[in-house]
Amino acid sequence: MLTRHFLVSGRVQGVGFRYFVAREARSLSLEGWVRNLPDGRVEAVARGDSGQMEALLGRLWQGSPMSKVLDVTVDDTTDGVQEGFAILPTPWGREE
């Protein structure tokens, strides 16, 4: 199992992007979370096999219908994830 950290930039806040990511991750049977960042990016951590990770990466680049993804960075991580796939609040109390 792999755990990966994703940072997505572009027009990805206020367009349903977190809900899109959560839906796609759940459809791929991934565990992890997604949240908005104060700087306008969306952050996600997901755990699954390499095929699931490649599928999620492709869907992140596709984005939700109203989004415009400009960049996706991916790093391996050792961050823990709980069961399921959650939408977390924006750090520092800013929620989009």
Protein backbone atom coordinates (compact mmCIF):
# COMPACT_ATOMS: atom_id res chain seq x y z
CA MET A 1 0.00 0.00 0.00
CA LEU A 2 1.15 3.51 -0.86
CA THR A 3 0.31 6.76 0.88
CA ARG A 4 0.62 9.88 -1.27
CA HIS A 5 0.28 13.60 -0.61
CA PHE A 6 -1.28 15.69 -3.40
CA LEU A 7 -1.31 19.48 -3.80
CA VAL A 8 -3.60 20.81 -6.52
CA SER A 9 -3.47 24.39 -7.74
CA GLY A 10 -5.58 26.43 -10.13
CA ARG A 11 -9.27 27.28 -9.80
CA VAL A 12 -9.97 24.53 -7.27
CA GLN A 13 -11.80 26.30 -4.44
CA GLY A 14 -15.44 27.31 -4.52
CA VAL A 15 -16.13 24.95 -7.43
CA GLY A 16 -16.95 21.68 -5.64
CA PHE A 17 -13.45 20.30 -6.07
CA ARG A 18 -13.15 18.74 -2.59
CA TYR A 19 -16.47 16.93 -3.05
CA PHE A 20 -15.32 15.74 -6.47
CA VAL A 21 -12.05 14.42 -4.98
CA ALA A 22 -13.87 12.66 -2.14
CA ARG A 23 -16.37 11.05 -4.53
CA GLU A 24 -13.62 9.87 -6.91
CA ALA A 25 -11.41 8.59 -4.08
CA ARG A 26 -14.32 6.67 -2.57
CA SER A 27 -15.16 5.17 -5.97
CA LEU A 28 -11.56 3.93 -6.12
CA SER A 29 -11.83 2.48 -2.57
CA LEU A 30 -9.09 4.80 -1.29
CA GLU A 31 -8.68 5.93 2.29
CA GLY A 32 -7.59 9.45 3.19
CA TRP A 33 -8.77 13.03 3.24
CA VAL A 34 -9.02 16.28 1.26
CA ARG A 35 -9.15 19.94 2.35
CA ASN A 36 -8.79 23.50 1.10
CA LEU A 37 -5.66 25.42 2.03
CA PRO A 38 -5.63 29.14 2.87
CA ASP A 39 -3.37 29.83 -0.14
CA GLY A 40 -6.05 28.66 -2.63
CA ARG A 41 -4.74 25.15 -3.25
CA VAL A 42 -6.41 21.86 -2.36
CA GLU A 43 -4.49 19.26 -0.36
CA ALA A 44 -5.23 15.54 -0.24
CA VAL A 45 -3.66 12.44 1.27
CA ALA A 46 -4.69 9.04 -0.03
CA ARG A 47 -3.70 5.43 0.64
CA GLY A 48 -4.10 2.60 -1.84
CA ASP A 49 -2.20 0.52 -4.39
CA SER A 50 -0.25 1.95 -7.32
CA GLY A 51 -3.11 1.47 -9.79
CA GLN A 52 -5.54 3.31 -7.53
CA MET A 53 -3.03 6.14 -7.09
CA GLU A 54 -2.51 6.52 -10.84
CA ALA A 55 -6.28 6.58 -11.37
CA LEU A 56 -6.71 9.26 -8.68
CA LEU A 57 -3.92 11.36 -10.19
CA GLY A 58 -5.64 11.29 -13.57
CA ARG A 59 -8.93 12.33 -12.01
CA LEU A 60 -7.26 15.17 -10.08
CA TRP A 61 -5.89 16.53 -13.36
CA GLN A 62 -9.37 16.21 -14.90
CA GLY A 63 -10.99 18.10 -12.02
CA SER A 64 -14.60 18.94 -11.33
CA PRO A 65 -16.71 20.56 -14.07
CA MET A 66 -16.18 24.15 -12.86
CA SER A 67 -12.51 23.76 -11.86
CA LYS A 68 -9.38 24.51 -13.85
CA VAL A 69 -6.42 22.48 -12.64
CA LEU A 70 -3.07 24.09 -13.38
CA ASP A 71 -0.72 21.84 -11.41
CA VAL A 72 -0.72 18.68 -9.30
CA THR A 73 2.30 17.79 -7.19
CA VAL A 74 2.62 14.32 -5.71
CA ASP A 75 4.91 13.08 -2.95
CA ASP A 76 5.08 9.86 -1.00
CA THR A 77 4.24 10.39 2.66
CA THR A 78 4.01 8.52 5.91
CA ASP A 79 1.01 10.57 7.12
CA GLY A 80 -1.58 8.40 8.77
CA VAL A 81 -5.07 8.13 7.37
CA GLN A 82 -8.19 6.80 9.00
CA GLU A 83 -10.68 4.43 7.45
CA GLY A 84 -12.79 5.98 4.68
CA PHE A 85 -12.22 9.23 2.83
CA ALA A 86 -13.04 12.49 4.63
CA ILE A 87 -13.44 16.15 3.73
CA LEU A 88 -11.55 18.09 6.40
CA PRO A 89 -11.96 21.72 7.39
CA THR A 90 -9.52 24.31 6.08
CA PRO A 91 -6.66 24.86 8.55
CA TRP A 92 -6.79 28.10 10.57
CA GLY A 93 -10.57 28.22 10.37
CA ARG A 94 -10.99 29.46 6.79
CA GLU A 95 -13.61 27.37 5.05
CA GLU A 96 -14.53 27.77 1.37
